[in-house]
Amino acid sequence: MLFGNLFRKKHAITNDLDTPLLRCLNLYDLIFLTVSGMIGSGIYVLTGVVAKGQTGPAIIIANLLAGISCLFGALCYAEFAARIPRAGSSYIFIYESIGELLAFLVGFTSIVGGVAGLGVSARVWSAYFDAVFDHKINSFLTNHTFHWPNAHAPFAKSPDFLAFGITIFLLIAMLVGLRNSKYLTNSLTVINMSALLFIGITGYILGDIHNYEPFFPFGVEGIFRGSSLLLYSYIGFEMATIAIEEAKNPSRTVPQATVISLIIVTLLYSLAGSSLTYLIPYHSIDTDSAFANAYKLSKWPWAGYIISFAIVFSAGGNLLSGTYGTIRIIYAMSTDGLLPSKLSSVSKGRHVPVMATCLVCFVIALLGTFFDIKDLIGFADISALLSYTGVSIGLLIERYNHHSTYQIVLTNDDDKEEEEERFELTNNDDNENIELNPILELDPFLTRIIRSSCRSYLPIIDSYLSPKFTAIILLIIFICNTTIFAIILIYIFNKNSSLHLIFVILFILVNVTIALIFCLLRPKKHSKDLLFTCPGVPLIPLINIKIFIFLMIFQDAHDWLGYTCVILISLLIYFTYSHWHSKSR
């Protein structure tokens, strides 16, 4: 009984558009919010590091590969967003498809990693802002206030008052309500996009085509390694799904915003990266200040100051959207009873979860002002990657779960009327035989091809293989196989060893076989009212799972140690509080 409760699921309520939050975000607001969630100061650092040490001028290809990889993940998020107009993103999608325990672990670790990362981001913003003024601000504050030169990690040697100041600004921006603060987010995003566009255009005006020689200095392997690093600059592509409960017509606008914003960012990153290596030889890039230093060495040294200000705005916008996202995950979990109900209390005037907002900003202020934990938050990347993996797994389970019911809620563009429809996407029996032709007409393309080539075996497959149960077994095998494959390939593999090559081929064959078996299973029929479905199922979710598992295995041992500690704390909280207060009981 207890084991079954760990995987209990949350199902859609009668009217999912009812919310104490304010639905004030249109398609353009959601795009700006999501772009802001991705474009941070990290891209200005990662681009230089990857271009100099991994890809050279071929960074444009690495960026496109990273963007396409994240696009596959975004397509999975977009389908869930079209089905479930509830705040919480990965947390709520996993809750609906896999179960409560994993959803809680993903949600809680996202909160801990988010708050810790925002505390570091506040200090990063402070450092960039201070650098614009030649570090005079922090120097003055340190000399004229108290400091602790002998402090040991994780404590800072002096309080960072600039970080405290930006956190107070964040608190005010959050408390005035999203209807007002969205204009600030939109403005910062426009500035950030304009800065990257400025880099992309002027780099080609000032640069030299000979800087592209050689174009592949580190070979194909360098491109793939660089692409794996650049993937981290795309984290945040799911921001629109976090804001889904404040979006107008969410089943339509959120999937569109998720995909469009990722395409925009991929193009901007690719343009900026290729422009940098056109402006300056890749081996001359300063990894600490790639863009600003490159412009200071060009014919337009004044442009370096524009880049410095752009980084400040970029870090500020990313901090604003990250704070918003963390608050909304706390709100969603509190609404479901997994966190104290006070955290989901929403003010009637501003439509803001006040307690959650104050708590998050207080912790950010505390961490940003008195702690220096930049070396201790690597677990936040693991948490994000696990979230993306969980959503891809959940989508596959739902596609082959013939018993689930979804409600699609639509509104017209001016939100004056609401039209809602509840429909069944299932047959009552997993093993019910249906005619071949309707199957082939409704199935995804890949499934249609494989099943049509095995026509004579379809009655047996559909009669004896439960799609949902078989999908779960296949996923377990696929995840275990991919994890072992990643460990061997990253840490053990020797290309001169025949035994290692045989193992790699076997692992690949197992994964290919699993994909083929998935295509033989009968997927659930879709309603015509579902506004977005992920194409290429089951291949795209399986590719997502493989990519994100490889990236998780890439993480350092101390990052995994930190993540394990957070998981243990999460389990303690779940079994002592959340399990017993859950509204799904």
Protein backbone atom coordinates (compact mmCIF):
# COMPACT_ATOMS: atom_id res chain seq x y z
CA MET A 1 0.00 0.00 0.00
CA LEU A 2 2.79 2.43 0.93
CA PHE A 3 4.73 1.54 -2.22
CA GLY A 4 1.66 2.20 -4.34
CA ASN A 5 1.13 5.59 -2.68
CA LEU A 6 4.65 6.65 -3.62
CA PHE A 7 3.56 6.59 -7.27
CA ARG A 8 0.10 8.07 -6.84
CA LYS A 9 -0.67 10.66 -9.47
CA LYS A 10 -2.31 14.04 -9.55
CA HIS A 11 -5.12 14.33 -12.07
CA ALA A 12 -6.74 17.38 -13.68
CA ILE A 13 -9.55 19.04 -11.76
CA THR A 14 -12.90 20.09 -13.20
CA ASN A 15 -11.90 23.63 -14.21
CA ASP A 16 -8.16 23.98 -14.61
CA LEU A 17 -8.29 27.61 -15.73
CA ASP A 18 -9.45 28.74 -12.29
CA THR A 19 -6.44 30.10 -10.38
CA PRO A 20 -5.78 32.72 -7.70
CA LEU A 21 -2.92 33.94 -9.89
CA LEU A 22 -3.54 36.47 -12.65
CA ARG A 23 -3.58 35.32 -16.28
CA CYS A 24 -1.82 38.32 -17.81
CA LEU A 25 0.93 36.85 -20.03
CA ASN A 26 0.36 36.73 -23.76
CA LEU A 27 2.52 34.90 -26.30
CA TYR A 28 5.12 37.69 -26.54
CA ASP A 29 5.41 38.00 -22.74
CA LEU A 30 6.02 34.25 -22.48
CA ILE A 31 8.68 34.36 -25.20
CA PHE A 32 10.51 37.23 -23.47
CA LEU A 33 10.29 35.46 -20.10
CA THR A 34 11.70 32.22 -21.52
CA VAL A 35 14.49 33.97 -23.44
CA SER A 36 15.40 35.83 -20.25
CA GLY A 37 15.52 32.50 -18.40
CA MET A 38 18.13 31.21 -20.84
CA ILE A 39 20.29 34.25 -21.64
CA GLY A 40 22.47 34.91 -18.61
CA SER A 41 26.04 35.92 -17.95
CA GLY A 42 27.04 32.29 -18.50
CA ILE A 43 26.85 32.51 -22.29
CA TYR A 44 29.44 35.32 -22.27
CA VAL A 45 31.81 33.04 -20.36
CA LEU A 46 31.03 29.65 -21.93
CA THR A 47 31.37 30.91 -25.51
CA GLY A 48 34.98 31.98 -24.96
CA VAL A 49 35.91 28.81 -23.06
CA VAL A 50 34.40 26.49 -25.67
CA ALA A 51 35.69 28.41 -28.70
CA LYS A 52 39.27 28.55 -27.38
CA GLY A 53 39.61 25.04 -26.01
CA GLN A 54 37.06 22.84 -27.78
CA THR A 55 35.77 24.00 -31.17
CA GLY A 56 37.54 27.06 -32.59
CA PRO A 57 35.47 28.73 -35.34
CA ALA A 58 33.27 25.62 -35.52
CA ILE A 59 31.48 26.86 -32.38
CA ILE A 60 28.54 27.77 -34.63
CA ILE A 61 28.04 24.04 -35.33
CA ALA A 62 28.40 23.19 -31.63
CA ASN A 63 25.77 25.79 -30.74
CA LEU A 64 23.36 24.50 -33.36
CA LEU A 65 23.82 20.93 -32.08
CA ALA A 66 23.21 22.06 -28.49
CA GLY A 67 20.14 24.04 -29.55
CA ILE A 68 18.69 21.11 -31.50
CA SER A 69 19.28 18.77 -28.54
CA CYS A 70 17.40 21.13 -26.22
CA LEU A 71 14.70 21.59 -28.85
CA PHE A 72 13.92 17.88 -28.55
CA GLY A 73 13.43 18.40 -24.81
CA ALA A 74 11.33 21.50 -25.43
CA LEU A 75 8.99 19.50 -27.68
CA CYS A 76 8.26 17.11 -24.79
CA TYR A 77 7.56 20.04 -22.47
CA ALA A 78 5.34 21.64 -25.12
CA GLU A 79 3.07 18.59 -25.37
CA PHE A 80 2.61 18.44 -21.60
CA ALA A 81 1.91 22.19 -21.56
CA ALA A 82 -0.82 21.68 -24.17
CA ARG A 83 -2.40 19.05 -21.91
CA ILE A 84 -1.95 20.44 -18.38
CA PRO A 85 -2.39 24.22 -17.76
CA ARG A 86 -0.97 24.07 -14.22
CA ALA A 87 2.04 25.84 -12.73
CA GLY A 88 5.06 23.74 -11.80
CA SER A 89 6.62 22.67 -15.09
CA SER A 90 8.72 19.49 -14.63
CA TYR A 91 7.27 18.91 -11.16
CA ILE A 92 3.63 18.88 -12.26
CA PHE A 93 4.31 17.00 -15.51
CA ILE A 94 6.13 14.21 -13.66
CA TYR A 95 3.42 14.20 -10.96
CA GLU A 96 0.78 13.64 -13.64
CA SER A 97 2.67 10.96 -15.55
CA ILE A 98 5.04 9.06 -13.23
CA GLY A 99 4.06 9.68 -9.63
CA GLU A 100 4.34 11.75 -6.47
CA LEU A 101 7.69 10.66 -5.02
CA LEU A 102 9.77 11.41 -8.12
CA ALA A 103 7.80 14.62 -8.66
CA PHE A 104 8.61 15.76 -5.12
CA LEU A 105 12.30 14.91 -5.50
CA VAL A 106 12.50 16.82 -8.79
CA GLY A 107 10.54 19.77 -7.41
CA PHE A 108 12.37 20.07 -4.10
CA THR A 109 15.86 19.66 -5.56
CA SER A 110 14.94 22.25 -8.19
CA ILE A 111 13.99 24.66 -5.42
CA VAL A 112 17.18 24.05 -3.42
CA GLY A 113 19.36 24.24 -6.52
CA GLY A 114 17.46 27.26 -7.79
CA VAL A 115 17.77 29.26 -4.57
CA ALA A 116 21.46 28.36 -4.12
CA GLY A 117 22.15 29.22 -7.76
CA LEU A 118 20.32 32.53 -7.41
CA GLY A 119 22.42 33.39 -4.36
CA VAL A 120 25.55 32.82 -6.46
CA SER A 121 23.98 34.75 -9.37
CA ALA A 122 23.41 37.73 -7.09
CA ARG A 123 27.13 37.77 -6.27
CA VAL A 124 27.99 37.33 -9.96
CA TRP A 125 25.78 40.29 -10.85
CA SER A 126 27.45 42.29 -8.09
CA ALA A 127 30.91 41.45 -9.47
CA TYR A 128 29.97 42.42 -13.04
CA PHE A 129 28.30 45.63 -11.91
CA ASP A 130 31.31 46.52 -9.76
CA ALA A 131 33.66 45.77 -12.68
CA VAL A 132 31.94 48.42 -14.80
CA PHE A 133 33.13 50.96 -12.20
CA ASP A 134 36.65 49.47 -11.91
CA HIS A 135 35.77 47.62 -8.69
CA LYS A 136 35.57 50.87 -6.75
CA ILE A 137 32.16 50.20 -5.17
CA ASN A 138 32.97 46.97 -3.37
CA SER A 139 36.42 48.31 -2.47
CA PHE A 140 34.85 51.34 -0.80
CA LEU A 141 32.21 49.26 1.01
CA THR A 142 34.80 46.74 2.23
CA ASN A 143 37.12 49.46 3.56
CA HIS A 144 34.34 51.40 5.29
CA THR A 145 32.29 48.52 6.70
CA PHE A 146 33.05 45.32 8.56
CA HIS A 147 34.79 42.33 6.97
CA TRP A 148 36.29 39.00 8.02
CA PRO A 149 39.61 38.43 6.19
CA ASN A 150 40.16 35.10 7.96
CA ALA A 151 36.74 33.66 7.12
CA HIS A 152 36.71 30.12 5.76
CA ALA A 153 34.51 28.69 3.01
CA PRO A 154 31.60 28.74 2.53
CA PHE A 155 31.53 32.14 4.31
CA ALA A 156 32.46 35.27 2.36
CA LYS A 157 35.33 37.44 3.63
CA SER A 158 33.08 40.51 3.53
CA PRO A 159 29.35 41.13 3.09
CA ASP A 160 28.30 41.81 -0.50
CA PHE A 161 26.00 44.80 -0.19
CA LEU A 162 25.45 45.03 -3.95
CA ALA A 163 24.11 41.47 -3.93
CA PHE A 164 21.85 42.41 -1.02
CA GLY A 165 20.66 45.47 -2.91
CA ILE A 166 19.74 43.55 -6.09
CA THR A 167 17.84 41.01 -3.96
CA ILE A 168 15.75 43.75 -2.35
CA PHE A 169 15.05 45.07 -5.83
CA LEU A 170 13.95 41.55 -6.84
CA LEU A 171 11.63 41.36 -3.84
CA ILE A 172 9.95 44.63 -4.76
CA ALA A 173 9.64 43.57 -8.42
CA MET A 174 8.02 40.28 -7.41
CA LEU A 175 5.62 41.84 -4.89
CA VAL A 176 4.23 44.47 -7.29
CA GLY A 177 2.76 41.63 -9.32
CA LEU A 178 3.53 40.00 -12.63
CA ARG A 179 1.25 42.35 -14.55
CA ASN A 180 3.65 45.19 -13.71
CA SER A 181 7.00 43.39 -13.41
CA LYS A 182 6.62 41.73 -16.82
CA TYR A 183 7.46 45.08 -18.44
CA LEU A 184 10.80 45.09 -16.63
CA THR A 185 11.51 41.52 -17.73
CA ASN A 186 10.54 42.32 -21.32
CA SER A 187 12.76 45.43 -21.37
CA LEU A 188 15.79 43.57 -20.01
CA THR A 189 15.24 40.76 -22.52
CA VAL A 190 15.10 43.19 -25.44
CA ILE A 191 18.39 44.74 -24.26
CA ASN A 192 20.01 41.29 -23.93
CA MET A 193 18.84 40.17 -27.37
CA SER A 194 19.98 43.47 -28.88
CA ALA A 195 23.44 43.04 -27.32
CA LEU A 196 23.86 39.57 -28.83
CA LEU A 197 22.60 40.85 -32.17
CA PHE A 198 25.08 43.76 -31.93
CA ILE A 199 27.89 41.27 -31.35
CA GLY A 200 26.72 39.09 -34.22
CA ILE A 201 26.66 41.96 -36.72
CA THR A 202 29.66 44.09 -35.69
CA GLY A 203 31.95 41.09 -35.27
CA TYR A 204 31.65 40.41 -38.98
CA ILE A 205 32.17 44.11 -39.79
CA LEU A 206 35.38 44.35 -37.75
CA GLY A 207 36.76 40.84 -38.18
CA ASP A 208 38.80 38.98 -40.76
CA ILE A 209 37.89 35.85 -42.74
CA HIS A 210 41.41 34.48 -42.14
CA ASN A 211 40.51 34.06 -38.46
CA TYR A 212 38.36 31.12 -39.58
CA GLU A 213 41.48 29.16 -40.54
CA PRO A 214 41.50 26.37 -39.52
CA PHE A 215 37.74 25.96 -39.09
CA PHE A 216 37.95 22.59 -37.28
CA PRO A 217 41.13 22.85 -35.19
CA PHE A 218 39.94 20.25 -32.65
CA GLY A 219 38.12 17.94 -35.06
CA VAL A 220 34.64 16.45 -34.77
CA GLU A 221 35.27 15.22 -31.22
CA GLY A 222 35.93 18.81 -30.10
CA ILE A 223 32.61 19.93 -31.59
CA PHE A 224 30.65 17.32 -29.63
CA ARG A 225 32.51 18.09 -26.40
CA GLY A 226 31.92 21.80 -26.90
CA SER A 227 28.26 21.18 -27.65
CA SER A 228 27.85 19.27 -24.37
CA LEU A 229 29.25 22.28 -22.47
CA LEU A 230 27.13 24.80 -24.38
CA LEU A 231 23.98 22.87 -23.46
CA TYR A 232 24.18 24.42 -19.99
CA SER A 233 23.62 27.89 -21.47
CA TYR A 234 20.20 26.68 -22.69
CA ILE A 235 18.98 25.62 -19.24
CA GLY A 236 15.79 27.56 -18.59
CA PHE A 237 14.04 26.76 -21.88
CA GLU A 238 11.11 25.42 -19.81
CA MET A 239 10.38 28.82 -18.20
CA ALA A 240 7.12 29.32 -20.11
CA THR A 241 5.75 26.08 -18.65
CA ILE A 242 6.51 27.39 -15.14
CA ALA A 243 4.40 30.47 -15.94
CA ILE A 244 1.56 28.43 -17.45
CA GLU A 245 -0.91 29.31 -14.70
CA GLU A 246 -0.48 33.02 -15.49
CA ALA A 247 -0.67 32.62 -19.26
CA LYS A 248 -3.60 33.54 -21.45
CA ASN A 249 -4.88 30.58 -23.44
CA PRO A 250 -2.06 28.40 -22.01
CA SER A 251 -2.72 25.26 -24.07
CA ARG A 252 -1.92 27.23 -27.20
CA THR A 253 0.54 29.99 -26.20
CA VAL A 254 2.88 28.07 -23.86
CA PRO A 255 3.90 25.36 -26.37
CA GLN A 256 4.42 28.05 -29.01
CA ALA A 257 6.50 30.23 -26.67
CA THR A 258 8.64 27.27 -25.54
CA VAL A 259 9.64 26.29 -29.07
CA ILE A 260 9.92 29.82 -30.53
CA SER A 261 12.09 31.16 -27.70
CA LEU A 262 14.51 28.23 -27.97
CA ILE A 263 14.86 28.80 -31.71
CA ILE A 264 15.53 32.51 -31.12
CA VAL A 265 18.20 31.83 -28.48
CA THR A 266 19.87 29.14 -30.60
CA LEU A 267 20.18 31.55 -33.53
CA LEU A 268 21.48 34.38 -31.31
CA TYR A 269 24.04 32.13 -29.59
CA SER A 270 25.22 30.70 -32.92
CA LEU A 271 25.54 34.16 -34.46
CA ALA A 272 27.41 35.60 -31.45
CA GLY A 273 29.79 32.62 -31.22
CA SER A 274 30.66 32.62 -34.92
CA SER A 275 31.10 36.40 -34.82
CA LEU A 276 33.56 36.17 -31.91
CA THR A 277 35.86 33.76 -33.77
CA TYR A 278 35.59 35.94 -36.89
CA LEU A 279 36.55 39.03 -34.87
CA ILE A 280 39.57 37.49 -33.17
CA PRO A 281 41.63 34.28 -33.70
CA TYR A 282 40.24 31.53 -31.49
CA HIS A 283 43.63 30.94 -29.78
CA SER A 284 43.77 34.64 -28.74
CA ILE A 285 40.43 34.63 -26.92
CA ASP A 286 40.52 35.74 -23.27
CA THR A 287 38.38 33.14 -21.52
CA ASP A 288 37.72 35.43 -18.53
CA SER A 289 36.26 38.23 -20.65
CA ALA A 290 35.96 36.92 -24.20
CA PHE A 291 33.68 39.47 -25.86
CA ALA A 292 34.71 42.63 -24.00
CA ASN A 293 38.42 41.89 -24.50
CA ALA A 294 37.94 41.06 -28.19
CA TYR A 295 36.28 44.42 -28.83
CA LYS A 296 38.93 46.31 -26.86
CA LEU A 297 41.52 44.84 -29.24
CA SER A 298 39.46 45.79 -32.30
CA LYS A 299 38.96 49.08 -34.16
CA TRP A 300 36.04 49.84 -31.82
CA PRO A 301 37.48 49.58 -28.29
CA TRP A 302 34.52 51.57 -26.93
CA ALA A 303 32.26 48.62 -27.81
CA GLY A 304 33.89 46.69 -24.98
CA TYR A 305 32.07 48.91 -22.49
CA ILE A 306 28.76 48.17 -24.21
CA ILE A 307 29.44 44.46 -23.74
CA SER A 308 30.25 45.00 -20.06
CA PHE A 309 26.92 46.75 -19.50
CA ALA A 310 25.14 44.05 -21.54
CA ILE A 311 26.50 41.36 -19.22
CA VAL A 312 25.13 43.28 -16.22
CA PHE A 313 21.67 43.51 -17.81
CA SER A 314 21.84 39.88 -18.90
CA ALA A 315 22.73 38.67 -15.40
CA GLY A 316 19.98 40.88 -13.94
CA GLY A 317 17.31 39.57 -16.31
CA ASN A 318 18.33 35.99 -15.68
CA LEU A 319 18.23 36.60 -11.93
CA LEU A 320 14.72 38.09 -12.21
CA SER A 321 13.28 35.21 -14.26
CA GLY A 322 15.05 32.59 -12.13
CA THR A 323 13.59 34.03 -8.94
CA TYR A 324 10.13 34.04 -10.50
CA GLY A 325 10.49 30.39 -11.57
CA THR A 326 11.62 29.17 -8.14
CA ILE A 327 8.72 30.96 -6.42
CA ARG A 328 6.18 29.36 -8.78
CA ILE A 329 7.52 25.84 -8.16
CA ILE A 330 7.16 26.41 -4.39
CA TYR A 331 3.63 27.69 -5.01
CA ALA A 332 2.71 24.62 -7.08
CA MET A 333 4.06 22.14 -4.51
CA SER A 334 2.35 23.99 -1.67
CA THR A 335 -0.94 23.95 -3.56
CA ASP A 336 -0.68 20.16 -3.76
CA GLY A 337 -0.01 19.87 -0.03
CA LEU A 338 3.61 18.73 -0.39
CA LEU A 339 4.86 21.94 1.25
CA PRO A 340 3.11 24.02 3.96
CA SER A 341 -0.10 25.62 2.69
CA LYS A 342 0.97 29.13 3.77
CA LEU A 343 3.47 29.16 0.91
CA SER A 344 0.63 29.07 -1.63
CA SER A 345 -1.26 31.94 -0.02
CA VAL A 346 -1.90 34.51 -2.78
CA SER A 347 -2.64 38.20 -2.20
CA LYS A 348 -5.97 39.18 -3.74
CA GLY A 349 -4.83 42.57 -5.00
CA ARG A 350 -1.50 41.72 -6.62
CA HIS A 351 -2.12 37.98 -7.25
CA VAL A 352 1.29 37.14 -5.78
CA PRO A 353 2.23 34.19 -3.48
CA VAL A 354 3.55 36.55 -0.81
CA MET A 355 5.01 34.07 1.69
CA ALA A 356 6.85 32.09 -0.99
CA THR A 357 8.19 35.31 -2.53
CA CYS A 358 9.48 36.67 0.78
CA LEU A 359 11.02 33.33 1.74
CA VAL A 360 12.90 32.90 -1.56
CA CYS A 361 14.19 36.49 -1.60
CA PHE A 362 15.27 36.26 2.05
CA VAL A 363 17.32 33.12 1.38
CA ILE A 364 18.83 34.65 -1.78
CA ALA A 365 19.78 37.77 0.20
CA LEU A 366 21.33 35.68 2.97
CA LEU A 367 23.35 33.51 0.58
CA GLY A 368 24.35 36.36 -1.71
CA THR A 369 25.43 38.68 1.08
CA PHE A 370 27.30 36.41 3.49
CA PHE A 371 28.23 33.22 1.62
CA ASP A 372 30.48 32.29 -1.28
CA ILE A 373 29.19 28.91 -2.49
CA LYS A 374 29.93 29.03 -6.22
CA ASP A 375 31.95 25.80 -5.93
CA LEU A 376 29.15 23.97 -4.10
CA ILE A 377 26.19 24.29 -6.48
CA GLY A 378 27.16 21.91 -9.27
CA PHE A 379 24.29 19.70 -8.09
CA ALA A 380 21.85 22.27 -9.52
CA ASP A 381 22.84 21.20 -13.05
CA ILE A 382 22.17 17.56 -12.16
CA SER A 383 18.76 18.55 -10.80
CA ALA A 384 17.87 20.37 -14.04
CA LEU A 385 19.05 17.46 -16.20
CA LEU A 386 17.09 14.98 -14.08
CA SER A 387 13.99 17.13 -14.54
CA TYR A 388 14.40 17.09 -18.31
CA THR A 389 14.96 13.32 -18.25
CA GLY A 390 11.88 12.78 -16.08
CA VAL A 391 9.63 14.76 -18.43
CA SER A 392 10.81 12.71 -21.43
CA ILE A 393 10.17 9.48 -19.50
CA GLY A 394 6.76 10.74 -18.42
CA LEU A 395 5.78 11.60 -21.97
CA LEU A 396 6.58 8.09 -23.19
CA ILE A 397 4.59 6.53 -20.34
CA GLU A 398 1.62 8.77 -21.10
CA ARG A 399 1.75 8.04 -24.83
CA TYR A 400 1.34 4.33 -24.07
CA ASN A 401 -1.05 4.68 -21.11
CA HIS A 402 -4.49 3.91 -22.56
CA HIS A 403 -6.30 4.62 -19.28
CA SER A 404 -5.37 8.26 -18.63
CA THR A 405 -7.85 11.09 -19.06
CA TYR A 406 -6.89 14.64 -19.95
CA GLN A 407 -8.87 17.83 -20.01
CA ILE A 408 -8.02 20.42 -22.64
CA VAL A 409 -9.10 23.93 -21.72
CA LEU A 410 -9.19 26.57 -24.42
CA THR A 411 -9.89 30.28 -24.34
CA ASN A 412 -10.30 32.74 -27.14
CA ASP A 413 -7.68 35.46 -27.66
CA ASP A 414 -9.46 38.19 -25.71
CA ASP A 415 -10.21 35.88 -22.77
CA LYS A 416 -13.82 37.04 -22.56
CA GLU A 417 -15.14 33.52 -22.87
CA GLU A 418 -13.84 30.13 -21.95
CA GLU A 419 -14.50 26.87 -23.71
CA GLU A 420 -13.55 23.70 -21.92
CA GLU A 421 -13.77 20.10 -22.96
CA ARG A 422 -12.95 16.94 -21.11
CA PHE A 423 -12.21 13.95 -23.26
CA GLU A 424 -10.93 10.39 -22.98
CA LEU A 425 -7.73 9.56 -24.87
CA THR A 426 -8.03 5.87 -24.22
CA ASN A 427 -9.68 2.55 -24.71
CA ASN A 428 -10.97 0.83 -21.60
CA ASP A 429 -8.76 -2.19 -22.18
CA ASP A 430 -5.07 -2.14 -23.06
CA ASN A 431 -5.48 -5.43 -24.90
CA GLU A 432 -8.55 -4.55 -26.94
CA ASN A 433 -8.14 -5.39 -30.62
CA ILE A 434 -8.88 -2.63 -33.13
CA GLU A 435 -8.76 -2.57 -36.88
CA LEU A 436 -5.38 -2.23 -38.57
CA ASN A 437 -6.22 0.68 -40.85
CA PRO A 438 -7.33 3.09 -38.07
CA ILE A 439 -4.14 2.22 -36.17
CA LEU A 440 -1.95 3.12 -39.10
CA GLU A 441 -3.87 6.33 -39.74
CA LEU A 442 -3.53 7.64 -36.17
CA ASP A 443 -0.06 6.43 -35.18
CA PRO A 444 3.07 8.63 -35.28
CA PHE A 445 5.12 8.35 -38.46
CA LEU A 446 7.86 6.08 -37.08
CA THR A 447 5.36 3.76 -35.42
CA ARG A 448 3.29 3.65 -38.60
CA ILE A 449 6.30 2.56 -40.66
CA ILE A 450 7.43 -0.16 -38.25
CA ARG A 451 3.93 -1.51 -37.57
CA SER A 452 3.01 -1.56 -41.26
CA SER A 453 6.09 -3.69 -41.94
CA CYS A 454 4.93 -6.19 -39.28
CA ARG A 455 1.25 -6.42 -40.22
CA SER A 456 0.95 -10.15 -39.68
CA TYR A 457 2.21 -9.93 -36.10
CA LEU A 458 0.12 -6.92 -34.95
CA PRO A 459 -2.87 -8.92 -33.62
CA ILE A 460 -0.53 -10.96 -31.38
CA ILE A 461 1.43 -7.87 -30.24
CA ASP A 462 -1.71 -5.88 -29.45
CA SER A 463 -3.35 -8.83 -27.68
CA TYR A 464 -0.50 -9.90 -25.42
CA LEU A 465 1.64 -6.79 -24.84
CA SER A 466 0.21 -4.18 -22.52
CA PRO A 467 1.52 -0.89 -24.00
CA LYS A 468 1.98 0.91 -20.67
CA PHE A 469 3.58 -2.02 -18.80
CA THR A 470 5.84 -2.88 -21.74
CA ALA A 471 6.86 0.79 -22.11
CA ILE A 472 7.87 0.96 -18.43
CA ILE A 473 9.97 -2.24 -18.70
CA LEU A 474 11.64 -0.96 -21.87
CA LEU A 475 12.39 2.38 -20.22
CA ILE A 476 14.02 0.70 -17.21
CA ILE A 477 16.24 -1.37 -19.52
CA PHE A 478 17.02 1.65 -21.70
CA ILE A 479 17.99 3.85 -18.73
CA CYS A 480 20.20 1.15 -17.16
CA ASN A 481 21.83 0.35 -20.50
CA THR A 482 22.46 4.03 -21.30
CA THR A 483 23.87 4.76 -17.83
CA ILE A 484 26.38 1.89 -18.03
CA PHE A 485 27.18 2.84 -21.63
CA ALA A 486 27.87 6.46 -20.60
CA ILE A 487 30.12 5.44 -17.70
CA ILE A 488 32.16 3.12 -19.93
CA LEU A 489 32.39 5.57 -22.82
CA ILE A 490 33.36 8.58 -20.67
CA TYR A 491 35.63 7.04 -18.05
CA ILE A 492 36.82 3.61 -19.25
CA PHE A 493 36.66 3.39 -23.05
CA ASN A 494 39.91 2.78 -24.95
CA LYS A 495 39.48 2.93 -28.73
CA ASN A 496 42.47 0.59 -29.15
CA SER A 497 40.74 -2.15 -27.16
CA SER A 498 38.68 -4.60 -29.22
CA LEU A 499 36.72 -5.69 -26.13
CA HIS A 500 35.67 -2.09 -25.45
CA LEU A 501 34.54 -1.65 -29.05
CA ILE A 502 32.44 -4.83 -28.84
CA PHE A 503 30.77 -3.54 -25.64
CA VAL A 504 29.98 -0.18 -27.26
CA ILE A 505 28.40 -1.92 -30.28
CA LEU A 506 26.32 -4.16 -27.98
CA PHE A 507 25.06 -1.17 -25.96
CA ILE A 508 24.07 0.65 -29.15
CA LEU A 509 22.29 -2.45 -30.51
CA VAL A 510 20.31 -2.82 -27.26
CA ASN A 511 19.12 0.80 -27.45
CA VAL A 512 18.20 0.47 -31.13
CA THR A 513 16.26 -2.72 -30.38
CA ILE A 514 14.36 -0.97 -27.58
CA ALA A 515 13.42 1.88 -29.94
CA LEU A 516 12.13 -0.63 -32.50
CA ILE A 517 10.05 -2.46 -29.88
CA PHE A 518 8.58 0.89 -28.77
CA CYS A 519 7.49 1.48 -32.37
CA LEU A 520 5.69 -1.86 -32.39
CA LEU A 521 3.52 -0.93 -29.39
CA ARG A 522 0.09 0.57 -29.96
CA PRO A 523 0.17 4.22 -28.78
CA LYS A 524 -2.78 6.10 -27.38
CA LYS A 525 -5.07 7.88 -29.82
CA HIS A 526 -5.00 11.68 -29.74
CA SER A 527 -7.96 14.00 -29.57
CA LYS A 528 -8.30 16.47 -32.41
CA ASP A 529 -8.47 19.22 -29.77
CA LEU A 530 -4.95 18.61 -28.48
CA LEU A 531 -3.19 21.70 -29.83
CA PHE A 532 0.36 20.31 -29.79
CA THR A 533 1.87 16.84 -29.85
CA CYS A 534 5.56 16.02 -29.78
CA PRO A 535 6.61 14.66 -33.19
CA GLY A 536 8.91 11.70 -33.66
CA VAL A 537 7.71 9.69 -30.65
CA PRO A 538 9.23 7.44 -29.38
CA LEU A 539 12.56 8.45 -30.94
CA ILE A 540 12.75 12.07 -29.71
CA PRO A 541 12.04 11.30 -26.02
CA LEU A 542 14.53 8.42 -26.13
CA ILE A 543 17.19 10.70 -27.64
CA ASN A 544 16.45 13.23 -24.86
CA ILE A 545 16.90 10.61 -22.17
CA LYS A 546 20.19 9.45 -23.70
CA ILE A 547 21.60 13.00 -24.03
CA PHE A 548 20.64 14.08 -20.50
CA ILE A 549 21.94 10.86 -18.89
CA PHE A 550 25.29 11.36 -20.64
CA LEU A 551 25.43 14.96 -19.37
CA MET A 552 24.64 13.84 -15.82
CA ILE A 553 27.43 11.24 -15.95
CA PHE A 554 29.77 14.04 -17.10
CA GLN A 555 29.29 15.83 -13.76
CA ASP A 556 32.06 15.78 -11.16
CA ALA A 557 31.99 13.42 -8.19
CA HIS A 558 31.64 16.28 -5.67
CA ASP A 559 28.58 17.54 -7.59
CA TRP A 560 27.01 14.09 -7.25
CA LEU A 561 27.91 14.06 -3.57
CA GLY A 562 26.12 17.38 -3.10
CA TYR A 563 23.12 16.14 -5.07
CA THR A 564 22.98 12.94 -2.98
CA CYS A 565 22.89 15.03 0.21
CA VAL A 566 20.02 17.13 -1.17
CA ILE A 567 18.14 13.94 -2.18
CA LEU A 568 18.51 12.52 1.34
CA ILE A 569 17.15 15.73 2.85
CA SER A 570 14.30 15.66 0.33
CA LEU A 571 13.39 12.08 1.26
CA LEU A 572 13.41 12.98 4.96
CA ILE A 573 11.01 15.89 4.35
CA TYR A 574 8.78 13.80 2.08
CA PHE A 575 8.32 10.90 4.49
CA THR A 576 7.93 13.07 7.59
CA TYR A 577 5.62 15.73 6.12
CA SER A 578 4.73 15.73 2.42
CA HIS A 579 3.52 12.14 2.11
CA TRP A 580 0.99 12.65 4.91
CA HIS A 581 -0.26 16.10 3.85
CA SER A 582 -0.55 15.44 0.13
CA LYS A 583 -3.93 16.31 -1.35
CA SER A 584 -3.68 13.21 -3.55
CA ARG A 585 -4.21 10.94 -0.52
